[in-house]
Amino acid sequence: MRIIAGRLKGLRLPSPRNRGIRPTTDRVREALFSALGTAVSGSRVLDLFAGTGAFGFEALSRGADAAVFVDKDRLSARILSETAEAFRVQDRVAILNLTASQAIAKLAGQGQKFGIAFLDPPYETDWIQKTVSDPNFLDLLEPEAFLILERSVLFQDPEIPERFQKAFGRKYGDTIVEIFHPA
């Protein structure tokens, strides 16, 4: 798995082995970033359930100002930190080794705001619904923020807050990716 475009193009993303991590594929990332266009440049990105951090590092490569990676797995958090150092972007990265709920509460308490939030939780869980229903999560999003979901086709569609409308949606095998933007 490599960064596919931008300043970090071609750099390899390490991944913990046998941890159930399912990195966002090159094809899916390319489609998402094509749909986002210039919105990435200058944005602050929240990469929840980060795993390898493929989405957040790709965003940094394409001009995002900063990225916050959240993953509860200690090894994943350590690898994210090592990757940020290897890519020389550690000054633009924060890594939270917390659950999504803990991280959301912490970031909201700090008054943080994000222009792009990427949610790719383990498939067959209700983490997307829990997250988008959390008022603290919604407070983290700037008024014109993009909400991006990656999820299984086998799981029930989450109820997205009315303030968002779907701007993009595609199916890739057993994966659905969607981009929502304020209505």
C-alpha atoms as a PDB file:
ATOM      1  CA  MET A   1       0.000   0.000   0.000  1.00  0.00           C
ATOM      2  CA  ARG A   2       1.456   3.328  -1.111  1.00  0.00           C
ATOM      3  CA  ILE A   3       0.532   7.009  -1.205  1.00  0.00           C
ATOM      4  CA  ILE A   4      -0.900   7.501  -4.681  1.00  0.00           C
ATOM      5  CA  ALA A   5      -0.557  11.245  -5.347  1.00  0.00           C
ATOM      6  CA  GLY A   6       0.880  14.500  -4.085  1.00  0.00           C
ATOM      7  CA  ARG A   7       4.053  15.391  -2.237  1.00  0.00           C
ATOM      8  CA  LEU A   8       4.390  11.948  -0.614  1.00  0.00           C
ATOM      9  CA  LYS A   9       3.524   9.980  -3.764  1.00  0.00           C
ATOM     10  CA  GLY A  10       5.035   6.496  -3.835  1.00  0.00           C
ATOM     11  CA  LEU A  11       5.895   6.265  -0.138  1.00  0.00           C
ATOM     12  CA  ARG A  12       4.933   2.946   1.422  1.00  0.00           C
ATOM     13  CA  LEU A  13       2.359   2.710   4.219  1.00  0.00           C
ATOM     14  CA  PRO A  14       3.321   0.012   6.718  1.00  0.00           C
ATOM     15  CA  SER A  15       0.522  -2.068   8.193  1.00  0.00           C
ATOM     16  CA  PRO A  16       0.396  -4.227  11.314  1.00  0.00           C
ATOM     17  CA  ARG A  17       0.046  -7.857  10.280  1.00  0.00           C
ATOM     18  CA  ASN A  18      -2.892 -10.035  11.325  1.00  0.00           C
ATOM     19  CA  ARG A  19      -4.734  -7.254  13.176  1.00  0.00           C
ATOM     20  CA  GLY A  20      -7.934  -7.218  11.136  1.00  0.00           C
ATOM     21  CA  ILE A  21      -6.909  -3.941   9.494  1.00  0.00           C
ATOM     22  CA  ARG A  22      -8.474  -3.347   6.121  1.00  0.00           C
ATOM     23  CA  PRO A  23      -6.639  -0.406   4.491  1.00  0.00           C
ATOM     24  CA  THR A  24      -8.603   1.750   2.092  1.00  0.00           C
ATOM     25  CA  THR A  25      -7.530   0.548  -1.348  1.00  0.00           C
ATOM     26  CA  ASP A  26      -5.775   2.745  -3.899  1.00  0.00           C
ATOM     27  CA  ARG A  27      -8.818   2.622  -6.166  1.00  0.00           C
ATOM     28  CA  VAL A  28     -11.179   3.802  -3.416  1.00  0.00           C
ATOM     29  CA  ARG A  29      -8.800   6.536  -2.229  1.00  0.00           C
ATOM     30  CA  GLU A  30      -8.374   7.801  -5.786  1.00  0.00           C
ATOM     31  CA  ALA A  31     -12.156   7.998  -6.241  1.00  0.00           C
ATOM     32  CA  LEU A  32     -12.646   9.777  -2.914  1.00  0.00           C
ATOM     33  CA  PHE A  33      -9.931  12.339  -3.520  1.00  0.00           C
ATOM     34  CA  SER A  34     -11.141  12.969  -7.065  1.00  0.00           C
ATOM     35  CA  ALA A  35     -14.623  13.645  -5.673  1.00  0.00           C
ATOM     36  CA  LEU A  36     -13.235  15.937  -2.936  1.00  0.00           C
ATOM     37  CA  GLY A  37     -11.174  17.930  -5.429  1.00  0.00           C
ATOM     38  CA  THR A  38      -9.654  21.111  -4.023  1.00  0.00           C
ATOM     39  CA  ALA A  39     -11.479  20.780  -0.671  1.00  0.00           C
ATOM     40  CA  VAL A  40      -8.501  18.833   0.703  1.00  0.00           C
ATOM     41  CA  SER A  41      -6.006  21.672   0.287  1.00  0.00           C
ATOM     42  CA  GLY A  42      -5.644  23.604   3.543  1.00  0.00           C
ATOM     43  CA  SER A  43      -8.093  21.390   5.454  1.00  0.00           C
ATOM     44  CA  ARG A  44      -7.805  19.747   8.845  1.00  0.00           C
ATOM     45  CA  VAL A  45      -8.589  16.023   8.594  1.00  0.00           C
ATOM     46  CA  LEU A  46      -9.949  13.657  11.251  1.00  0.00           C
ATOM     47  CA  ASP A  47      -9.163  10.014  10.439  1.00  0.00           C
ATOM     48  CA  LEU A  48     -11.194   7.921  12.919  1.00  0.00           C
ATOM     49  CA  PHE A  49     -10.487   4.181  13.137  1.00  0.00           C
ATOM     50  CA  ALA A  50      -7.253   5.080  11.313  1.00  0.00           C
ATOM     51  CA  GLY A  51      -5.551   1.674  11.007  1.00  0.00           C
ATOM     52  CA  THR A  52      -2.693   2.378   8.563  1.00  0.00           C
ATOM     53  CA  GLY A  53      -3.722   6.023   8.232  1.00  0.00           C
ATOM     54  CA  ALA A  54      -3.980   5.657   4.448  1.00  0.00           C
ATOM     55  CA  PHE A  55      -6.704   8.290   4.146  1.00  0.00           C
ATOM     56  CA  GLY A  56      -5.080  10.860   6.444  1.00  0.00           C
ATOM     57  CA  PHE A  57      -1.594  10.489   4.982  1.00  0.00           C
ATOM     58  CA  GLU A  58      -3.020  10.717   1.460  1.00  0.00           C
ATOM     59  CA  ALA A  59      -4.796  13.936   2.497  1.00  0.00           C
ATOM     60  CA  LEU A  60      -1.537  15.367   3.891  1.00  0.00           C
ATOM     61  CA  SER A  61       0.214  14.417   0.658  1.00  0.00           C
ATOM     62  CA  ARG A  62      -2.451  16.289  -1.310  1.00  0.00           C
ATOM     63  CA  GLY A  63      -2.209  19.519   0.694  1.00  0.00           C
ATOM     64  CA  ALA A  64      -4.169  19.108   3.934  1.00  0.00           C
ATOM     65  CA  ASP A  65      -2.727  21.307   6.698  1.00  0.00           C
ATOM     66  CA  ALA A  66      -3.071  18.749   9.499  1.00  0.00           C
ATOM     67  CA  ALA A  67      -4.431  15.310  10.344  1.00  0.00           C
ATOM     68  CA  VAL A  68      -5.567  13.728  13.584  1.00  0.00           C
ATOM     69  CA  PHE A  69      -5.410   9.938  13.556  1.00  0.00           C
ATOM     70  CA  VAL A  70      -7.485   7.966  16.061  1.00  0.00           C
ATOM     71  CA  ASP A  71      -6.998   4.264  16.695  1.00  0.00           C
ATOM     72  CA  LYS A  72      -7.496   2.321  19.908  1.00  0.00           C
ATOM     73  CA  ASP A  73      -4.958  -0.359  18.936  1.00  0.00           C
ATOM     74  CA  ARG A  74      -1.597   0.423  20.557  1.00  0.00           C
ATOM     75  CA  LEU A  75       0.459  -1.150  17.761  1.00  0.00           C
ATOM     76  CA  SER A  76      -1.452   0.756  15.083  1.00  0.00           C
ATOM     77  CA  ALA A  77      -0.901   4.027  16.965  1.00  0.00           C
ATOM     78  CA  ARG A  78       2.823   3.297  17.238  1.00  0.00           C
ATOM     79  CA  ILE A  79       3.078   2.523  13.526  1.00  0.00           C
ATOM     80  CA  LEU A  80       1.148   5.707  12.677  1.00  0.00           C
ATOM     81  CA  SER A  81       3.656   7.693  14.724  1.00  0.00           C
ATOM     82  CA  GLU A  82       6.608   5.992  13.038  1.00  0.00           C
ATOM     83  CA  THR A  83       5.055   6.600   9.613  1.00  0.00           C
ATOM     84  CA  ALA A  84       4.527  10.300  10.361  1.00  0.00           C
ATOM     85  CA  GLU A  85       8.198  10.584  11.313  1.00  0.00           C
ATOM     86  CA  ALA A  86       9.372   8.629   8.258  1.00  0.00           C
ATOM     87  CA  PHE A  87       7.221  10.864   6.008  1.00  0.00           C
ATOM     88  CA  ARG A  88       8.512  13.970   7.886  1.00  0.00           C
ATOM     89  CA  VAL A  89       4.980  15.210   8.642  1.00  0.00           C
ATOM     90  CA  GLN A  90       5.016  14.655  12.416  1.00  0.00           C
ATOM     91  CA  ASP A  91       4.607  18.412  13.002  1.00  0.00           C
ATOM     92  CA  ARG A  92       1.255  18.263  11.142  1.00  0.00           C
ATOM     93  CA  VAL A  93      -0.021  15.086  12.804  1.00  0.00           C
ATOM     94  CA  ALA A  94      -1.616  14.153  16.125  1.00  0.00           C
ATOM     95  CA  ILE A  95      -2.159  10.512  17.024  1.00  0.00           C
ATOM     96  CA  LEU A  96      -4.700   9.576  19.669  1.00  0.00           C
ATOM     97  CA  ASN A  97      -4.470   6.034  21.013  1.00  0.00           C
ATOM     98  CA  LEU A  98      -8.082   6.109  22.241  1.00  0.00           C
ATOM     99  CA  THR A  99     -11.467   4.713  21.312  1.00  0.00           C
ATOM    100  CA  ALA A 100     -13.441   6.846  18.872  1.00  0.00           C
ATOM    101  CA  SER A 101     -15.796   7.969  21.672  1.00  0.00           C
ATOM    102  CA  GLN A 102     -12.915   8.967  23.950  1.00  0.00           C
ATOM    103  CA  ALA A 103     -11.166  10.843  21.147  1.00  0.00           C
ATOM    104  CA  ILE A 104     -14.329  12.674  20.104  1.00  0.00           C
ATOM    105  CA  ALA A 105     -14.942  13.818  23.687  1.00  0.00           C
ATOM    106  CA  LYS A 106     -11.315  14.948  24.052  1.00  0.00           C
ATOM    107  CA  LEU A 107     -11.220  16.819  20.734  1.00  0.00           C
ATOM    108  CA  ALA A 108     -14.602  18.474  21.368  1.00  0.00           C
ATOM    109  CA  GLY A 109     -13.398  19.548  24.828  1.00  0.00           C
ATOM    110  CA  GLN A 110     -10.407  21.209  23.148  1.00  0.00           C
ATOM    111  CA  GLY A 111     -12.674  23.029  20.674  1.00  0.00           C
ATOM    112  CA  GLN A 112     -11.031  21.366  17.670  1.00  0.00           C
ATOM    113  CA  LYS A 113     -12.644  21.703  14.217  1.00  0.00           C
ATOM    114  CA  PHE A 114     -12.199  19.649  11.056  1.00  0.00           C
ATOM    115  CA  GLY A 115     -13.038  20.233   7.407  1.00  0.00           C
ATOM    116  CA  ILE A 116     -12.973  16.514   6.555  1.00  0.00           C
ATOM    117  CA  ALA A 117     -13.896  13.564   8.776  1.00  0.00           C
ATOM    118  CA  PHE A 118     -13.219  10.034   7.556  1.00  0.00           C
ATOM    119  CA  LEU A 119     -14.913   7.094   9.308  1.00  0.00           C
ATOM    120  CA  ASP A 120     -13.841   3.565   8.430  1.00  0.00           C
ATOM    121  CA  PRO A 121     -14.679   1.424  11.467  1.00  0.00           C
ATOM    122  CA  PRO A 122     -14.496  -2.361  11.573  1.00  0.00           C
ATOM    123  CA  TYR A 123     -17.190  -3.791   9.316  1.00  0.00           C
ATOM    124  CA  GLU A 124     -20.300  -5.292  10.881  1.00  0.00           C
ATOM    125  CA  THR A 125     -20.286  -2.831  13.791  1.00  0.00           C
ATOM    126  CA  ASP A 126     -22.567   0.087  14.603  1.00  0.00           C
ATOM    127  CA  TRP A 127     -19.698   2.568  15.076  1.00  0.00           C
ATOM    128  CA  ILE A 128     -20.769   4.759  12.157  1.00  0.00           C
ATOM    129  CA  GLN A 129     -24.245   5.204  13.603  1.00  0.00           C
ATOM    130  CA  LYS A 130     -22.876   5.819  17.119  1.00  0.00           C
ATOM    131  CA  THR A 131     -20.435   8.389  15.802  1.00  0.00           C
ATOM    132  CA  VAL A 132     -22.739  10.412  13.531  1.00  0.00           C
ATOM    133  CA  SER A 133     -25.362  10.456  16.321  1.00  0.00           C
ATOM    134  CA  ASP A 134     -22.901  11.902  18.843  1.00  0.00           C
ATOM    135  CA  PRO A 135     -23.475  15.673  19.272  1.00  0.00           C
ATOM    136  CA  ASN A 136     -19.807  16.080  20.227  1.00  0.00           C
ATOM    137  CA  PHE A 137     -18.783  14.590  16.876  1.00  0.00           C
ATOM    138  CA  LEU A 138     -21.032  16.975  14.974  1.00  0.00           C
ATOM    139  CA  ASP A 139     -19.521  19.887  16.939  1.00  0.00           C
ATOM    140  CA  LEU A 140     -16.081  18.881  15.623  1.00  0.00           C
ATOM    141  CA  LEU A 141     -17.149  19.543  12.045  1.00  0.00           C
ATOM    142  CA  GLU A 142     -16.754  22.951  10.422  1.00  0.00           C
ATOM    143  CA  PRO A 143     -19.961  24.326   8.846  1.00  0.00           C
ATOM    144  CA  GLU A 144     -18.904  23.210   5.340  1.00  0.00           C
ATOM    145  CA  ALA A 145     -17.197  19.965   6.430  1.00  0.00           C
ATOM    146  CA  PHE A 146     -17.194  16.768   4.402  1.00  0.00           C
ATOM    147  CA  LEU A 147     -18.191  13.537   6.127  1.00  0.00           C
ATOM    148  CA  ILE A 148     -16.771  10.416   4.476  1.00  0.00           C
ATOM    149  CA  LEU A 149     -17.918   6.896   5.317  1.00  0.00           C
ATOM    150  CA  GLU A 150     -16.430   3.569   4.311  1.00  0.00           C
ATOM    151  CA  ARG A 151     -18.582   0.593   5.263  1.00  0.00           C
ATOM    152  CA  SER A 152     -19.776  -2.875   4.358  1.00  0.00           C
ATOM    153  CA  VAL A 153     -22.576  -3.370   1.844  1.00  0.00           C
ATOM    154  CA  LEU A 154     -23.936  -6.018   4.204  1.00  0.00           C
ATOM    155  CA  PHE A 155     -24.624  -3.606   7.051  1.00  0.00           C
ATOM    156  CA  GLN A 156     -27.688  -1.411   7.413  1.00  0.00           C
ATOM    157  CA  ASP A 157     -27.429   2.137   6.046  1.00  0.00           C
ATOM    158  CA  PRO A 158     -26.700   4.558   8.879  1.00  0.00           C
ATOM    159  CA  GLU A 159     -29.060   7.430   9.598  1.00  0.00           C
ATOM    160  CA  ILE A 160     -27.128  10.539   8.609  1.00  0.00           C
ATOM    161  CA  PRO A 161     -28.056  13.851  10.304  1.00  0.00           C
ATOM    162  CA  GLU A 162     -30.340  16.028   8.189  1.00  0.00           C
ATOM    163  CA  ARG A 163     -27.709  18.739   7.896  1.00  0.00           C
ATOM    164  CA  PHE A 164     -25.884  16.486   5.385  1.00  0.00           C
ATOM    165  CA  GLN A 165     -26.721  15.372   1.874  1.00  0.00           C
ATOM    166  CA  LYS A 166     -24.955  12.685  -0.110  1.00  0.00           C
ATOM    167  CA  ALA A 167     -22.556  14.148  -2.671  1.00  0.00           C
ATOM    168  CA  PHE A 168     -20.898  10.890  -3.754  1.00  0.00           C
ATOM    169  CA  GLY A 169     -21.503   7.178  -3.338  1.00  0.00           C
ATOM    170  CA  ARG A 170     -19.934   4.108  -4.920  1.00  0.00           C
ATOM    171  CA  LYS A 171     -19.772   0.382  -4.320  1.00  0.00           C
ATOM    172  CA  TYR A 172     -16.444  -1.453  -4.583  1.00  0.00           C
ATOM    173  CA  GLY A 173     -16.913  -5.186  -4.003  1.00  0.00           C
ATOM    174  CA  ASP A 174     -18.242  -5.531  -0.439  1.00  0.00           C
ATOM    175  CA  THR A 175     -17.423  -1.896   0.376  1.00  0.00           C
ATOM    176  CA  ILE A 176     -19.504   1.254   0.033  1.00  0.00           C
ATOM    177  CA  VAL A 177     -17.889   4.680   0.188  1.00  0.00           C
ATOM    178  CA  GLU A 178     -19.962   7.819   0.586  1.00  0.00           C
ATOM    179  CA  ILE A 179     -19.221  11.515   0.871  1.00  0.00           C
ATOM    180  CA  PHE A 180     -21.709  13.789   2.605  1.00  0.00           C
ATOM    181  CA  HIS A 181     -21.646  17.575   2.565  1.00  0.00           C
ATOM    182  CA  PRO A 182     -23.891  20.110   4.335  1.00  0.00           C
ATOM    183  CA  ALA A 183     -27.214  20.562   2.566  1.00  0.00           C
END
